[in-house]
Protein backbone atom coordinates (compact mmCIF):
# COMPACT_ATOMS: atom_id res chain seq x y z
CA MET A 1 -5.98 7.19 -33.59
CA TRP A 2 -8.14 5.66 -30.91
CA ILE A 3 -5.55 6.37 -28.22
CA GLU A 4 -5.58 9.92 -26.97
CA ARG A 5 -2.51 11.59 -25.60
CA ALA A 6 -2.92 12.07 -21.85
CA HIS A 7 -2.04 15.31 -20.12
CA LEU A 8 0.98 15.25 -17.86
CA LEU A 9 -1.07 16.13 -14.79
CA THR A 10 -3.44 13.21 -15.45
CA VAL A 11 -0.53 10.80 -15.77
CA VAL A 12 1.02 12.10 -12.54
CA ARG A 13 -2.28 11.71 -10.69
CA ARG A 14 -2.61 8.12 -11.88
CA VAL A 15 0.99 7.09 -11.19
CA LEU A 16 1.57 8.92 -7.90
CA PRO A 17 -0.26 6.39 -5.66
CA TYR A 18 1.87 3.54 -7.05
CA VAL A 19 5.07 5.51 -6.52
CA ALA A 20 4.00 6.33 -2.95
CA LEU A 21 3.23 2.66 -2.31
CA GLY A 22 6.64 1.63 -3.64
CA VAL A 23 8.44 4.19 -1.49
CA ALA A 24 6.45 3.09 1.57
CA PHE A 25 7.34 -0.56 0.91
CA VAL A 26 11.05 0.20 0.60
CA ALA A 27 10.97 2.33 3.76
CA LEU A 28 9.12 -0.31 5.77
CA ARG A 29 11.45 -3.05 4.55
CA TRP A 30 14.47 -0.97 5.51
CA LEU A 31 12.99 -0.34 8.96
CA ALA A 32 12.08 -4.01 9.51
CA VAL A 33 15.12 -5.74 8.00
CA GLY A 34 17.77 -3.04 8.19
CA ALA A 35 18.56 -3.23 4.46
CA ILE A 36 16.75 -2.99 1.16
CA THR A 37 18.52 -6.03 -0.27
CA LEU A 38 20.05 -9.06 1.39
CA ALA A 39 22.54 -8.17 4.10
CA GLU A 40 24.86 -10.99 3.01
CA GLN A 41 24.99 -13.27 0.00
CA PRO A 42 23.40 -16.69 0.34
CA PRO A 43 25.71 -19.72 0.08
CA PHE A 44 26.64 -20.77 -3.46
CA ILE A 45 24.85 -24.10 -3.08
CA ASP A 46 21.56 -22.33 -2.24
CA ASN A 47 21.66 -19.67 -4.96
CA PRO A 48 24.42 -19.89 -7.59
CA LEU A 49 23.08 -16.88 -9.53
CA ALA A 50 23.82 -14.60 -6.59
CA HIS A 51 27.53 -15.15 -7.25
CA VAL A 52 27.62 -14.27 -10.97
CA GLY A 53 27.35 -11.01 -12.86
CA LEU A 54 24.29 -9.18 -14.07
CA LEU A 55 24.60 -10.39 -17.66
CA ALA A 56 24.56 -14.07 -16.63
CA ARG A 57 21.52 -13.50 -14.41
CA LEU A 58 19.62 -11.71 -17.17
CA ALA A 59 20.53 -14.38 -19.73
CA THR A 60 19.32 -17.11 -17.38
CA ALA A 61 16.07 -15.24 -16.75
CA LEU A 62 15.46 -14.88 -20.50
CA VAL A 63 16.12 -18.59 -21.11
CA VAL A 64 13.75 -19.60 -18.32
CA LEU A 65 11.10 -17.18 -19.56
CA GLY A 66 11.44 -18.48 -23.12
CA ASP A 67 11.25 -22.08 -21.96
CA TYR A 68 8.14 -21.30 -19.93
CA GLY A 69 6.56 -19.58 -22.93
CA LEU A 70 7.28 -22.51 -25.21
CA ARG A 71 5.94 -25.04 -22.75
CA SER A 72 2.76 -23.11 -21.99
CA GLY A 73 2.06 -22.46 -25.67
CA ARG A 74 1.85 -26.12 -26.68
CA PRO A 75 -1.44 -27.97 -26.27
CA VAL A 76 -1.51 -30.70 -23.68
CA ALA A 77 -1.95 -34.18 -25.12
CA SER A 78 -5.14 -35.79 -23.93
CA VAL A 79 -5.03 -39.18 -22.33
CA ARG A 80 -7.33 -41.70 -23.92
CA GLY A 81 -8.43 -44.69 -21.91
């Protein structure tokens, strides 16, 4: 195969900066905002998905992603003058 299996130490060296950056972001957000997520839910009218379960949110995300993929995959009709 053309893909070689990487050593564990090499993988750790490559991934560690990203993990450190993620931890730093979460820590700074917690210090600045006081919470990692929203402190309170937004009103239903502003964000209805915040008031439903995980399955409904994931299903909606998949539908939107699929719709975006279908729309971006079709060629745009040219306008002739």
